[in-house]
Amino acid sequence: MNIPLKQQTLVVIRALYFCMEKKWAELEKKFKLTPAQQHILFLLAAHNQKLSPTQISDLGCWHLSTVNRILKPLEEKGLIEITANKEQLRYKCVAI
């Protein structure tokens, strides 16, 4: 890939990010959801299946303890459900 094409690609990615950041800020005010909480909801919706906190950690590039801290308010608001994995009870499953 040549340098001008890389630069143009980067500019497009930054523009998309700034657009999304503005939308995230609007959602944060309207629904009282942080960008990190919105990201977790997006990951769950995009995968359309239950994910473990470890999978969310890998997909979101967060430490597992950060994921667990972010999940708690989402569960309290009733936006997600956290259940025990039926095969391995010590593991959790997270679903919208």
N, C-alpha and C. Protein backbone atom coordinates (compact mmCIF):
# COMPACT_ATOMS: atom_id res chain seq x y z
N MET A 1 0.86 -1.17 0.00
CA MET A 1 0.00 0.00 0.00
C MET A 1 0.91 1.24 0.00
N ASN A 2 0.61 2.20 -0.87
CA ASN A 2 1.44 3.38 -0.95
C ASN A 2 1.07 4.39 0.14
N ILE A 3 1.97 5.32 0.40
CA ILE A 3 1.81 6.30 1.50
C ILE A 3 0.56 7.17 1.32
N PRO A 4 0.29 7.77 0.16
CA PRO A 4 -0.92 8.60 0.04
C PRO A 4 -2.20 7.82 0.31
N LEU A 5 -2.26 6.57 -0.12
CA LEU A 5 -3.45 5.76 0.14
C LEU A 5 -3.60 5.48 1.63
N LYS A 6 -2.49 5.22 2.31
CA LYS A 6 -2.52 5.00 3.76
C LYS A 6 -3.01 6.26 4.47
N GLN A 7 -2.53 7.42 4.03
CA GLN A 7 -2.94 8.68 4.64
C GLN A 7 -4.43 8.93 4.43
N GLN A 8 -4.93 8.70 3.23
CA GLN A 8 -6.35 8.88 2.94
C GLN A 8 -7.21 7.93 3.77
N THR A 9 -6.75 6.70 3.90
CA THR A 9 -7.48 5.72 4.71
C THR A 9 -7.55 6.17 6.16
N LEU A 10 -6.45 6.66 6.68
CA LEU A 10 -6.41 7.15 8.05
C LEU A 10 -7.35 8.33 8.25
N VAL A 11 -7.40 9.25 7.30
CA VAL A 11 -8.29 10.40 7.38
C VAL A 11 -9.75 9.95 7.41
N VAL A 12 -10.10 8.98 6.58
CA VAL A 12 -11.48 8.47 6.55
C VAL A 12 -11.83 7.80 7.88
N ILE A 13 -10.92 7.00 8.40
CA ILE A 13 -11.16 6.33 9.68
C ILE A 13 -11.34 7.34 10.80
N ARG A 14 -10.50 8.37 10.83
CA ARG A 14 -10.64 9.41 11.86
C ARG A 14 -11.96 10.14 11.74
N ALA A 15 -12.38 10.45 10.51
CA ALA A 15 -13.65 11.15 10.31
C ALA A 15 -14.82 10.29 10.80
N LEU A 16 -14.79 9.00 10.49
CA LEU A 16 -15.84 8.10 10.96
C LEU A 16 -15.84 8.01 12.49
N TYR A 17 -14.65 7.96 13.07
CA TYR A 17 -14.55 7.89 14.52
C TYR A 17 -15.15 9.15 15.17
N PHE A 18 -14.83 10.32 14.64
CA PHE A 18 -15.36 11.56 15.21
C PHE A 18 -16.88 11.62 15.09
N CYS A 19 -17.40 11.12 13.99
CA CYS A 19 -18.85 11.07 13.81
C CYS A 19 -19.48 10.14 14.85
N MET A 20 -18.90 8.98 15.03
CA MET A 20 -19.41 8.03 16.02
C MET A 20 -19.26 8.57 17.43
N GLU A 21 -18.16 9.24 17.70
CA GLU A 21 -17.94 9.80 19.04
C GLU A 21 -19.02 10.81 19.39
N LYS A 22 -19.44 11.59 18.41
CA LYS A 22 -20.52 12.56 18.63
C LYS A 22 -21.82 11.83 18.95
N LYS A 23 -22.12 10.77 18.20
CA LYS A 23 -23.33 9.98 18.44
C LYS A 23 -23.27 9.32 19.82
N TRP A 24 -22.08 8.80 20.19
CA TRP A 24 -21.92 8.18 21.50
C TRP A 24 -22.19 9.18 22.61
N ALA A 25 -21.73 10.41 22.42
CA ALA A 25 -21.96 11.45 23.43
C ALA A 25 -23.46 11.75 23.56
N GLU A 26 -24.17 11.76 22.45
CA GLU A 26 -25.62 11.99 22.49
C GLU A 26 -26.32 10.85 23.23
N LEU A 27 -25.92 9.63 22.94
CA LEU A 27 -26.52 8.47 23.61
C LEU A 27 -26.18 8.46 25.09
N GLU A 28 -24.96 8.90 25.41
CA GLU A 28 -24.55 8.95 26.81
C GLU A 28 -25.47 9.87 27.60
N LYS A 29 -25.78 11.03 27.02
CA LYS A 29 -26.67 11.99 27.70
C LYS A 29 -28.09 11.47 27.77
N LYS A 30 -28.58 10.91 26.66
CA LYS A 30 -29.98 10.48 26.58
C LYS A 30 -30.26 9.26 27.48
N PHE A 31 -29.37 8.27 27.44
CA PHE A 31 -29.62 7.02 28.15
C PHE A 31 -28.71 6.79 29.35
N LYS A 32 -27.83 7.75 29.62
CA LYS A 32 -26.86 7.64 30.72
C LYS A 32 -26.01 6.37 30.57
N LEU A 33 -25.47 6.20 29.35
CA LEU A 33 -24.58 5.07 29.05
C LEU A 33 -23.22 5.61 28.63
N THR A 34 -22.17 5.15 29.27
CA THR A 34 -20.83 5.57 28.90
C THR A 34 -20.46 4.96 27.55
N PRO A 35 -19.45 5.51 26.88
CA PRO A 35 -18.99 4.89 25.63
C PRO A 35 -18.56 3.43 25.83
N ALA A 36 -17.96 3.11 26.95
CA ALA A 36 -17.55 1.72 27.21
C ALA A 36 -18.77 0.81 27.33
N GLN A 37 -19.82 1.29 28.01
CA GLN A 37 -21.05 0.49 28.12
C GLN A 37 -21.69 0.31 26.75
N GLN A 38 -21.69 1.37 25.95
CA GLN A 38 -22.24 1.28 24.60
C GLN A 38 -21.44 0.29 23.77
N HIS A 39 -20.13 0.28 23.96
CA HIS A 39 -19.26 -0.65 23.21
C HIS A 39 -19.61 -2.10 23.56
N ILE A 40 -19.83 -2.37 24.83
CA ILE A 40 -20.19 -3.73 25.24
C ILE A 40 -21.54 -4.12 24.63
N LEU A 41 -22.51 -3.23 24.67
CA LEU A 41 -23.80 -3.52 24.07
C LEU A 41 -23.66 -3.77 22.57
N PHE A 42 -22.80 -2.99 21.92
CA PHE A 42 -22.54 -3.19 20.49
C PHE A 42 -21.93 -4.57 20.24
N LEU A 43 -20.94 -4.95 21.05
CA LEU A 43 -20.30 -6.26 20.87
C LEU A 43 -21.31 -7.39 21.04
N LEU A 44 -22.17 -7.28 22.05
CA LEU A 44 -23.18 -8.31 22.28
C LEU A 44 -24.18 -8.36 21.12
N ALA A 45 -24.60 -7.20 20.66
CA ALA A 45 -25.57 -7.15 19.55
C ALA A 45 -24.94 -7.67 18.25
N ALA A 46 -23.70 -7.29 18.00
CA ALA A 46 -23.04 -7.69 16.76
C ALA A 46 -22.80 -9.20 16.70
N HIS A 47 -22.55 -9.82 17.84
CA HIS A 47 -22.30 -11.26 17.84
C HIS A 47 -23.59 -12.07 17.97
N ASN A 48 -24.66 -11.40 18.39
CA ASN A 48 -25.99 -12.03 18.44
C ASN A 48 -25.97 -13.37 19.18
N GLN A 49 -25.18 -13.44 20.23
CA GLN A 49 -25.11 -14.65 21.05
C GLN A 49 -24.56 -14.26 22.42
N LYS A 50 -24.66 -15.17 23.36
CA LYS A 50 -24.08 -14.93 24.67
C LYS A 50 -22.56 -14.95 24.56
N LEU A 51 -21.92 -14.05 25.30
CA LEU A 51 -20.47 -14.00 25.34
C LEU A 51 -20.02 -14.08 26.79
N SER A 52 -18.86 -14.63 27.01
CA SER A 52 -18.30 -14.64 28.36
C SER A 52 -17.59 -13.30 28.59
N PRO A 53 -17.40 -12.92 29.84
CA PRO A 53 -16.63 -11.71 30.11
C PRO A 53 -15.23 -11.76 29.48
N THR A 54 -14.64 -12.95 29.42
CA THR A 54 -13.32 -13.09 28.80
C THR A 54 -13.40 -12.79 27.31
N GLN A 55 -14.43 -13.27 26.63
CA GLN A 55 -14.59 -12.97 25.21
C GLN A 55 -14.81 -11.47 24.99
N ILE A 56 -15.61 -10.86 25.85
CA ILE A 56 -15.84 -9.41 25.75
C ILE A 56 -14.53 -8.67 25.97
N SER A 57 -13.74 -9.15 26.93
CA SER A 57 -12.43 -8.56 27.20
C SER A 57 -11.53 -8.61 25.97
N ASP A 58 -11.50 -9.75 25.32
CA ASP A 58 -10.67 -9.91 24.12
C ASP A 58 -11.17 -9.02 22.98
N LEU A 59 -12.48 -9.02 22.75
CA LEU A 59 -13.06 -8.25 21.65
C LEU A 59 -12.93 -6.73 21.88
N GLY A 60 -13.08 -6.31 23.12
CA GLY A 60 -13.04 -4.89 23.44
C GLY A 60 -11.67 -4.36 23.79
N CYS A 61 -10.69 -5.25 23.86
CA CYS A 61 -9.31 -4.87 24.22
C CYS A 61 -9.25 -4.23 25.62
N TRP A 62 -9.96 -4.86 26.55
CA TRP A 62 -9.97 -4.42 27.94
C TRP A 62 -9.43 -5.52 28.83
N HIS A 63 -9.02 -5.12 30.04
CA HIS A 63 -8.66 -6.09 31.07
C HIS A 63 -9.96 -6.70 31.59
N LEU A 64 -9.92 -7.95 31.99
CA LEU A 64 -11.12 -8.64 32.47
C LEU A 64 -11.77 -7.90 33.64
N SER A 65 -10.98 -7.35 34.54
CA SER A 65 -11.55 -6.63 35.68
C SER A 65 -12.31 -5.39 35.22
N THR A 66 -11.84 -4.75 34.16
CA THR A 66 -12.54 -3.59 33.59
C THR A 66 -13.89 -4.00 33.04
N VAL A 67 -13.93 -5.12 32.33
CA VAL A 67 -15.18 -5.63 31.77
C VAL A 67 -16.18 -5.89 32.89
N ASN A 68 -15.74 -6.56 33.94
CA ASN A 68 -16.64 -6.88 35.05
C ASN A 68 -17.17 -5.61 35.71
N ARG A 69 -16.34 -4.58 35.79
CA ARG A 69 -16.76 -3.31 36.38
C ARG A 69 -17.80 -2.62 35.49
N ILE A 70 -17.64 -2.72 34.19
CA ILE A 70 -18.57 -2.09 33.24
C ILE A 70 -19.89 -2.87 33.18
N LEU A 71 -19.85 -4.19 33.34
CA LEU A 71 -21.05 -5.01 33.23
C LEU A 71 -22.04 -4.76 34.36
N LYS A 72 -21.53 -4.50 35.55
CA LYS A 72 -22.41 -4.36 36.72
C LYS A 72 -23.50 -3.30 36.53
N PRO A 73 -23.18 -2.05 36.13
CA PRO A 73 -24.25 -1.06 35.94
C PRO A 73 -25.21 -1.42 34.80
N LEU A 74 -24.71 -2.09 33.77
CA LEU A 74 -25.59 -2.52 32.68
C LEU A 74 -26.60 -3.54 33.17
N GLU A 75 -26.16 -4.43 34.03
CA GLU A 75 -27.07 -5.43 34.60
C GLU A 75 -28.09 -4.75 35.52
N GLU A 76 -27.62 -3.79 36.31
CA GLU A 76 -28.52 -3.07 37.22
C GLU A 76 -29.60 -2.30 36.47
N LYS A 77 -29.26 -1.79 35.28
CA LYS A 77 -30.23 -1.06 34.46
C LYS A 77 -31.15 -2.01 33.68
N GLY A 78 -30.88 -3.31 33.75
CA GLY A 78 -31.70 -4.28 33.05
C GLY A 78 -31.41 -4.38 31.56
N LEU A 79 -30.25 -3.90 31.14
CA LEU A 79 -29.89 -3.94 29.72
C LEU A 79 -29.22 -5.24 29.31
N ILE A 80 -28.62 -5.93 30.28
CA ILE A 80 -27.98 -7.22 30.00
C ILE A 80 -28.40 -8.20 31.09
N GLU A 81 -28.16 -9.47 30.79
CA GLU A 81 -28.41 -10.53 31.76
C GLU A 81 -27.12 -11.33 31.90
N ILE A 82 -26.72 -11.56 33.13
CA ILE A 82 -25.52 -12.35 33.39
C ILE A 82 -25.97 -13.63 34.09
N THR A 83 -25.65 -14.77 33.45
CA THR A 83 -26.04 -16.07 34.00
C THR A 83 -24.82 -16.98 34.07
N ALA A 84 -24.97 -18.05 34.83
CA ALA A 84 -23.90 -19.04 34.91
C ALA A 84 -23.93 -19.91 33.66
N ASN A 85 -22.75 -20.27 33.18
CA ASN A 85 -22.63 -21.18 32.06
C ASN A 85 -23.13 -22.55 32.51
N LYS A 86 -24.02 -23.17 31.75
CA LYS A 86 -24.64 -24.44 32.17
C LYS A 86 -23.63 -25.59 32.23
N GLU A 87 -22.61 -25.57 31.38
CA GLU A 87 -21.61 -26.64 31.41
C GLU A 87 -20.56 -26.43 32.50
N GLN A 88 -20.21 -25.17 32.73
CA GLN A 88 -19.19 -24.85 33.74
C GLN A 88 -19.76 -23.72 34.60
N LEU A 89 -20.31 -24.07 35.73
CA LEU A 89 -21.06 -23.12 36.55
C LEU A 89 -20.23 -21.94 37.06
N ARG A 90 -18.92 -22.10 37.13
CA ARG A 90 -18.12 -20.98 37.64
C ARG A 90 -17.89 -19.90 36.58
N TYR A 91 -18.26 -20.18 35.33
CA TYR A 91 -18.11 -19.21 34.24
C TYR A 91 -19.44 -18.52 33.97
N LYS A 92 -19.36 -17.26 33.56
CA LYS A 92 -20.56 -16.46 33.30
C LYS A 92 -20.83 -16.33 31.80
N CYS A 93 -22.10 -16.11 31.47
CA CYS A 93 -22.52 -15.80 30.12
C CYS A 93 -23.25 -14.45 30.17
N VAL A 94 -22.97 -13.59 29.23
CA VAL A 94 -23.59 -12.27 29.19
C VAL A 94 -24.41 -12.18 27.91
N ALA A 95 -25.65 -11.69 28.05
CA ALA A 95 -26.54 -11.54 26.90
C ALA A 95 -27.35 -10.26 27.06
N ILE A 96 -27.78 -9.72 25.91
CA ILE A 96 -28.65 -8.54 25.96
C ILE A 96 -30.02 -8.99 26.40
